Amino acid sequence: MKILKENTAVAITDRAPHRIEKPREEWTAEDKREANLDNVAKDIMYKTLDKITFCKIKMCRTAKKIWEKLIQLCEGNEQTKENKLSVAVQKFDNIKMKKGDSMTEYDERVSDIINELNALGKVYSNKEIELKVVRGLPKK
């Protein structure tokens, strides 16, 4: 993690100060605390990731950069989100109880799709869900 300070040797342009890395010997107690918290956050994230995901984020220098990369990897961009939502809505629209399914298995599949839709921002009322579940049951 880089702790920055204003570079007073450079003239300020556009009212934005020029910043440079602060040498460790100049770090204040607050700077040290901030760097330590970043290390703690990185450590927590590292310990929770599988090897494949870890390889994708290991080059990130700060916890914030790791978090941003994880969001990008898991959620994708707006088009990816829209595609995921379209697929989930289609799954919901087409769900039917399969031959040989128990009610528990069918309910779990419906719940999985509802959870996926909720995570993508699409919420159905209980009445809509109940109607879909009943319509997906076999005529028997």
C-alpha atoms as a PDB file:
ATOM      1  CA  MET A   1       0.000   0.000   0.000  1.00  0.00           C
ATOM      2  CA  LYS A   2       1.237   3.454  -0.845  1.00  0.00           C
ATOM      3  CA  ILE A   3       0.824   6.323   1.575  1.00  0.00           C
ATOM      4  CA  LEU A   4       0.898   9.610  -0.320  1.00  0.00           C
ATOM      5  CA  LYS A   5       1.844  13.149   0.611  1.00  0.00           C
ATOM      6  CA  GLU A   6       1.705  16.463  -1.196  1.00  0.00           C
ATOM      7  CA  ASN A   7       4.753  17.270  -3.271  1.00  0.00           C
ATOM      8  CA  THR A   8       5.546  20.847  -2.280  1.00  0.00           C
ATOM      9  CA  ALA A   9       8.423  21.024  -4.765  1.00  0.00           C
ATOM     10  CA  VAL A  10       5.964  21.070  -7.686  1.00  0.00           C
ATOM     11  CA  ALA A  11       3.663  23.996  -8.425  1.00  0.00           C
ATOM     12  CA  ILE A  12      -0.022  23.226  -7.913  1.00  0.00           C
ATOM     13  CA  THR A  13      -1.895  23.211 -11.215  1.00  0.00           C
ATOM     14  CA  ASP A  14      -5.659  23.265 -11.596  1.00  0.00           C
ATOM     15  CA  ARG A  15      -5.912  23.575  -7.802  1.00  0.00           C
ATOM     16  CA  ALA A  16      -5.092  19.872  -7.514  1.00  0.00           C
ATOM     17  CA  PRO A  17      -1.985  19.124  -5.443  1.00  0.00           C
ATOM     18  CA  HIS A  18       0.632  16.822  -6.905  1.00  0.00           C
ATOM     19  CA  ARG A  19       1.071  13.772  -4.684  1.00  0.00           C
ATOM     20  CA  ILE A  20       4.054  11.489  -4.225  1.00  0.00           C
ATOM     21  CA  GLU A  21       4.692   8.390  -2.146  1.00  0.00           C
ATOM     22  CA  LYS A  22       5.535   9.155   1.479  1.00  0.00           C
ATOM     23  CA  PRO A  23       8.706   7.379   2.702  1.00  0.00           C
ATOM     24  CA  ARG A  24       8.086   4.856   5.507  1.00  0.00           C
ATOM     25  CA  GLU A  25      10.206   6.838   7.939  1.00  0.00           C
ATOM     26  CA  GLU A  26       7.733   9.737   7.602  1.00  0.00           C
ATOM     27  CA  TRP A  27       4.643   7.633   8.279  1.00  0.00           C
ATOM     28  CA  THR A  28       2.444   8.805  11.141  1.00  0.00           C
ATOM     29  CA  ALA A  29       0.619   6.490  13.521  1.00  0.00           C
ATOM     30  CA  GLU A  30      -2.517   6.997  11.385  1.00  0.00           C
ATOM     31  CA  ASP A  31      -0.595   6.070   8.210  1.00  0.00           C
ATOM     32  CA  LYS A  32       0.634   2.872   9.872  1.00  0.00           C
ATOM     33  CA  ARG A  33      -2.878   2.022  11.080  1.00  0.00           C
ATOM     34  CA  GLU A  34      -4.282   2.547   7.566  1.00  0.00           C
ATOM     35  CA  ALA A  35      -1.611   0.345   5.993  1.00  0.00           C
ATOM     36  CA  ASN A  36      -2.207  -2.353   8.621  1.00  0.00           C
ATOM     37  CA  LEU A  37      -5.971  -2.320   8.037  1.00  0.00           C
ATOM     38  CA  ASP A  38      -5.343  -2.716   4.310  1.00  0.00           C
ATOM     39  CA  ASN A  39      -3.107  -5.721   5.026  1.00  0.00           C
ATOM     40  CA  VAL A  40      -5.727  -7.263   7.325  1.00  0.00           C
ATOM     41  CA  ALA A  41      -8.443  -6.815   4.677  1.00  0.00           C
ATOM     42  CA  LYS A  42      -6.210  -8.338   1.974  1.00  0.00           C
ATOM     43  CA  ASP A  43      -5.409 -11.285   4.239  1.00  0.00           C
ATOM     44  CA  ILE A  44      -9.090 -11.961   4.889  1.00  0.00           C
ATOM     45  CA  MET A  45      -9.879 -11.879   1.183  1.00  0.00           C
ATOM     46  CA  TYR A  46      -6.890 -14.078   0.290  1.00  0.00           C
ATOM     47  CA  LYS A  47      -7.974 -16.736   2.805  1.00  0.00           C
ATOM     48  CA  THR A  48     -11.508 -16.944   1.419  1.00  0.00           C
ATOM     49  CA  LEU A  49     -10.633 -17.314  -2.278  1.00  0.00           C
ATOM     50  CA  ASP A  50     -10.101 -20.494  -4.236  1.00  0.00           C
ATOM     51  CA  LYS A  51      -6.835 -20.916  -6.175  1.00  0.00           C
ATOM     52  CA  ILE A  52      -8.309 -19.923  -9.536  1.00  0.00           C
ATOM     53  CA  THR A  53      -9.794 -16.659  -8.254  1.00  0.00           C
ATOM     54  CA  PHE A  54      -6.681 -15.923  -6.202  1.00  0.00           C
ATOM     55  CA  CYS A  55      -4.555 -16.153  -9.363  1.00  0.00           C
ATOM     56  CA  LYS A  56      -6.795 -13.533 -10.969  1.00  0.00           C
ATOM     57  CA  ILE A  57      -6.422 -10.981  -8.147  1.00  0.00           C
ATOM     58  CA  LYS A  58      -2.932 -11.628  -6.785  1.00  0.00           C
ATOM     59  CA  MET A  59      -1.433  -8.720  -8.739  1.00  0.00           C
ATOM     60  CA  CYS A  60      -3.741  -6.171  -7.054  1.00  0.00           C
ATOM     61  CA  ARG A  61      -1.790  -4.039  -4.608  1.00  0.00           C
ATOM     62  CA  THR A  62      -4.551  -2.854  -2.242  1.00  0.00           C
ATOM     63  CA  ALA A  63      -7.659  -4.323  -0.645  1.00  0.00           C
ATOM     64  CA  LYS A  64      -9.760  -1.800  -2.579  1.00  0.00           C
ATOM     65  CA  LYS A  65      -8.287  -2.929  -5.905  1.00  0.00           C
ATOM     66  CA  ILE A  66      -8.855  -6.588  -4.953  1.00  0.00           C
ATOM     67  CA  TRP A  67     -12.470  -5.818  -4.067  1.00  0.00           C
ATOM     68  CA  GLU A  68     -13.044  -3.966  -7.353  1.00  0.00           C
ATOM     69  CA  LYS A  69     -11.538  -6.875  -9.307  1.00  0.00           C
ATOM     70  CA  LEU A  70     -13.724  -9.386  -7.434  1.00  0.00           C
ATOM     71  CA  ILE A  71     -16.830  -7.350  -8.247  1.00  0.00           C
ATOM     72  CA  GLN A  72     -15.806  -7.282 -11.889  1.00  0.00           C
ATOM     73  CA  LEU A  73     -15.150 -11.040 -11.911  1.00  0.00           C
ATOM     74  CA  CYS A  74     -18.330 -12.020 -10.073  1.00  0.00           C
ATOM     75  CA  GLU A  75     -20.864  -9.530 -11.370  1.00  0.00           C
ATOM     76  CA  GLY A  76     -19.472  -8.490 -14.724  1.00  0.00           C
ATOM     77  CA  ASN A  77     -20.398  -5.353 -16.588  1.00  0.00           C
ATOM     78  CA  GLU A  78     -23.936  -4.074 -17.224  1.00  0.00           C
ATOM     79  CA  GLN A  79     -24.387  -6.191 -20.351  1.00  0.00           C
ATOM     80  CA  THR A  80     -23.341  -9.329 -18.467  1.00  0.00           C
ATOM     81  CA  LYS A  81     -25.819  -8.507 -15.680  1.00  0.00           C
ATOM     82  CA  GLU A  82     -28.608  -7.998 -18.219  1.00  0.00           C
ATOM     83  CA  ASN A  83     -27.774 -11.325 -19.872  1.00  0.00           C
ATOM     84  CA  LYS A  84     -27.773 -13.136 -16.528  1.00  0.00           C
ATOM     85  CA  LEU A  85     -31.125 -11.561 -15.681  1.00  0.00           C
ATOM     86  CA  SER A  86     -32.623 -12.581 -19.037  1.00  0.00           C
ATOM     87  CA  VAL A  87     -31.475 -16.172 -18.566  1.00  0.00           C
ATOM     88  CA  ALA A  88     -32.821 -16.293 -14.993  1.00  0.00           C
ATOM     89  CA  VAL A  89     -36.201 -14.845 -16.050  1.00  0.00           C
ATOM     90  CA  GLN A  90     -36.400 -17.417 -18.830  1.00  0.00           C
ATOM     91  CA  LYS A  91     -35.609 -20.204 -16.336  1.00  0.00           C
ATOM     92  CA  PHE A  92     -38.393 -18.913 -14.078  1.00  0.00           C
ATOM     93  CA  ASP A  93     -40.860 -18.657 -16.956  1.00  0.00           C
ATOM     94  CA  ASN A  94     -40.120 -22.212 -18.127  1.00  0.00           C
ATOM     95  CA  ILE A  95     -39.845 -24.024 -14.801  1.00  0.00           C
ATOM     96  CA  LYS A  96     -41.939 -27.142 -14.520  1.00  0.00           C
ATOM     97  CA  MET A  97     -41.830 -30.124 -12.231  1.00  0.00           C
ATOM     98  CA  LYS A  98     -39.859 -32.887 -13.933  1.00  0.00           C
ATOM     99  CA  LYS A  99     -41.057 -36.454 -14.088  1.00  0.00           C
ATOM    100  CA  GLY A 100     -39.689 -38.233 -11.022  1.00  0.00           C
ATOM    101  CA  ASP A 101     -39.114 -34.975  -9.063  1.00  0.00           C
ATOM    102  CA  SER A 102     -40.293 -34.866  -5.491  1.00  0.00           C
ATOM    103  CA  MET A 103     -42.022 -31.708  -4.240  1.00  0.00           C
ATOM    104  CA  THR A 104     -38.880 -30.943  -2.228  1.00  0.00           C
ATOM    105  CA  GLU A 105     -36.652 -31.130  -5.318  1.00  0.00           C
ATOM    106  CA  TYR A 106     -39.047 -28.973  -7.314  1.00  0.00           C
ATOM    107  CA  ASP A 107     -39.282 -26.445  -4.481  1.00  0.00           C
ATOM    108  CA  GLU A 108     -35.471 -26.293  -4.235  1.00  0.00           C
ATOM    109  CA  ARG A 109     -35.149 -25.603  -7.983  1.00  0.00           C
ATOM    110  CA  VAL A 110     -37.777 -22.843  -7.751  1.00  0.00           C
ATOM    111  CA  SER A 111     -36.050 -21.364  -4.685  1.00  0.00           C
ATOM    112  CA  ASP A 112     -32.666 -21.392  -6.435  1.00  0.00           C
ATOM    113  CA  ILE A 113     -34.094 -19.485  -9.388  1.00  0.00           C
ATOM    114  CA  ILE A 114     -35.922 -16.996  -7.130  1.00  0.00           C
ATOM    115  CA  ASN A 115     -32.705 -16.375  -5.176  1.00  0.00           C
ATOM    116  CA  GLU A 116     -30.787 -15.858  -8.417  1.00  0.00           C
ATOM    117  CA  LEU A 117     -33.418 -13.386  -9.624  1.00  0.00           C
ATOM    118  CA  ASN A 118     -33.401 -11.522  -6.303  1.00  0.00           C
ATOM    119  CA  ALA A 119     -29.604 -11.223  -6.443  1.00  0.00           C
ATOM    120  CA  LEU A 120     -29.939  -9.707  -9.914  1.00  0.00           C
ATOM    121  CA  GLY A 121     -32.540  -7.193  -8.724  1.00  0.00           C
ATOM    122  CA  LYS A 122     -35.687  -8.884 -10.053  1.00  0.00           C
ATOM    123  CA  VAL A 123     -38.292  -9.468  -7.345  1.00  0.00           C
ATOM    124  CA  TYR A 124     -41.524 -11.381  -7.822  1.00  0.00           C
ATOM    125  CA  SER A 125     -44.446 -11.166  -5.402  1.00  0.00           C
ATOM    126  CA  ASN A 126     -45.380 -14.241  -3.389  1.00  0.00           C
ATOM    127  CA  LYS A 127     -48.581 -14.487  -5.425  1.00  0.00           C
ATOM    128  CA  GLU A 128     -46.631 -14.587  -8.716  1.00  0.00           C
ATOM    129  CA  ILE A 129     -44.309 -17.264  -7.326  1.00  0.00           C
ATOM    130  CA  GLU A 130     -47.178 -19.367  -5.989  1.00  0.00           C
ATOM    131  CA  LEU A 131     -48.975 -19.152  -9.327  1.00  0.00           C
ATOM    132  CA  LYS A 132     -45.814 -20.190 -11.203  1.00  0.00           C
ATOM    133  CA  VAL A 133     -45.234 -23.133  -8.829  1.00  0.00           C
ATOM    134  CA  VAL A 134     -48.808 -24.377  -9.214  1.00  0.00           C
ATOM    135  CA  ARG A 135     -48.730 -24.002 -13.018  1.00  0.00           C
ATOM    136  CA  GLY A 136     -45.475 -25.950 -13.117  1.00  0.00           C
ATOM    137  CA  LEU A 137     -47.007 -28.967 -11.387  1.00  0.00           C
ATOM    138  CA  PRO A 138     -48.105 -31.935 -13.482  1.00  0.00           C
ATOM    139  CA  LYS A 139     -51.861 -32.300 -14.058  1.00  0.00           C
ATOM    140  CA  LYS A 140     -51.949 -35.370 -11.799  1.00  0.00           C
END
